[in-house]
Protein backbone atom coordinates (compact mmCIF):
# COMPACT_ATOMS: atom_id res chain seq x y z
CA UNK A 1 49.43 -14.63 19.12
CA UNK A 2 46.76 -15.23 21.60
CA UNK A 3 43.20 -15.12 21.21
CA UNK A 4 43.39 -13.98 25.09
CA UNK A 5 44.61 -9.96 25.87
CA UNK A 6 47.13 -9.97 28.47
CA UNK A 7 46.25 -9.36 30.45
CA UNK A 8 42.39 -9.07 32.65
CA UNK A 9 39.44 -6.41 31.46
CA UNK A 10 37.90 -4.45 34.19
CA UNK A 11 33.79 -4.70 34.00
CA UNK A 12 32.41 -1.58 32.75
CA UNK A 13 29.34 -0.35 34.10
CA UNK A 14 26.74 -0.32 31.92
CA UNK A 15 22.92 2.16 31.93
CA UNK A 16 19.92 0.82 30.26
CA UNK A 17 17.95 3.37 28.34
CA UNK A 18 14.66 3.06 26.98
CA UNK A 19 14.23 3.20 23.50
CA UNK A 20 11.86 5.67 21.70
CA UNK A 21 10.84 4.23 18.02
CA UNK A 22 8.91 6.37 15.47
CA UNK A 23 5.38 4.50 14.16
CA UNK A 24 2.39 5.88 11.29
CA UNK A 25 -0.22 6.34 13.25
CA UNK A 26 -3.79 7.69 11.30
CA UNK A 27 -5.28 10.81 12.28
CA UNK A 28 -9.02 10.00 13.97
CA UNK A 29 -11.22 12.15 12.15
CA UNK A 30 -13.46 14.47 15.40
CA UNK A 31 -16.84 11.32 14.86
CA UNK A 32 -14.52 8.68 14.62
CA UNK A 33 -12.50 10.22 17.93
CA UNK A 34 -16.16 10.22 19.35
CA UNK A 35 -17.13 7.19 18.40
CA UNK A 36 -14.09 5.25 20.32
CA UNK A 37 -14.31 7.05 23.15
CA UNK A 38 -17.62 6.38 22.80
CA UNK A 39 -17.11 2.33 22.97
CA UNK A 40 -14.19 2.66 25.15
CA UNK A 41 -16.68 3.93 27.56
CA UNK A 42 -19.60 1.54 27.10
CA UNK A 43 -16.48 -1.62 27.27
CA UNK A 44 -15.72 -0.08 30.25
CA UNK A 45 -18.70 0.20 32.05
CA UNK A 46 -19.68 -3.62 31.34
CA UNK A 47 -16.61 -4.74 32.47
CA UNK A 48 -17.47 -2.84 35.98
CA UNK A 49 -20.31 -4.42 35.97
CA UNK A 50 -19.13 -7.30 35.38
CA UNK A 51 -20.39 -8.09 32.26
CA UNK A 52 -17.33 -9.18 30.22
CA UNK A 53 -15.29 -12.28 29.30
CA UNK A 54 -11.99 -13.74 29.44
CA UNK A 55 -9.80 -13.04 26.18
CA UNK A 56 -9.06 -16.37 24.30
CA UNK A 57 -6.66 -15.89 22.03
CA UNK A 58 -8.40 -19.15 19.86
CA UNK A 59 -11.08 -17.92 19.96
CA UNK A 60 -10.43 -14.87 18.62
CA UNK A 61 -8.08 -16.44 16.00
CA UNK A 62 -10.72 -18.02 15.04
CA UNK A 63 -13.60 -15.57 14.04
CA UNK A 64 -10.25 -12.99 12.68
CA UNK A 65 -9.76 -15.91 10.09
CA UNK A 66 -13.65 -16.27 8.93
CA UNK A 67 -13.89 -12.53 8.67
CA UNK A 68 -10.64 -12.82 6.01
């Protein structure tokens, strides 16, 4: 027996489709939602005013390790 097909196979058209996954998310209370939105507005205002700093993954990791 041969490992290869006896005739050359035609190439087939392929299509890429988006994949959706289901994830559990916490539902925020009204107070938590308002605090989150206020914090986001503050952060956006600071960034617009040029008061933001570039993300440093190494420094972030050091702080995260200390918090554990």
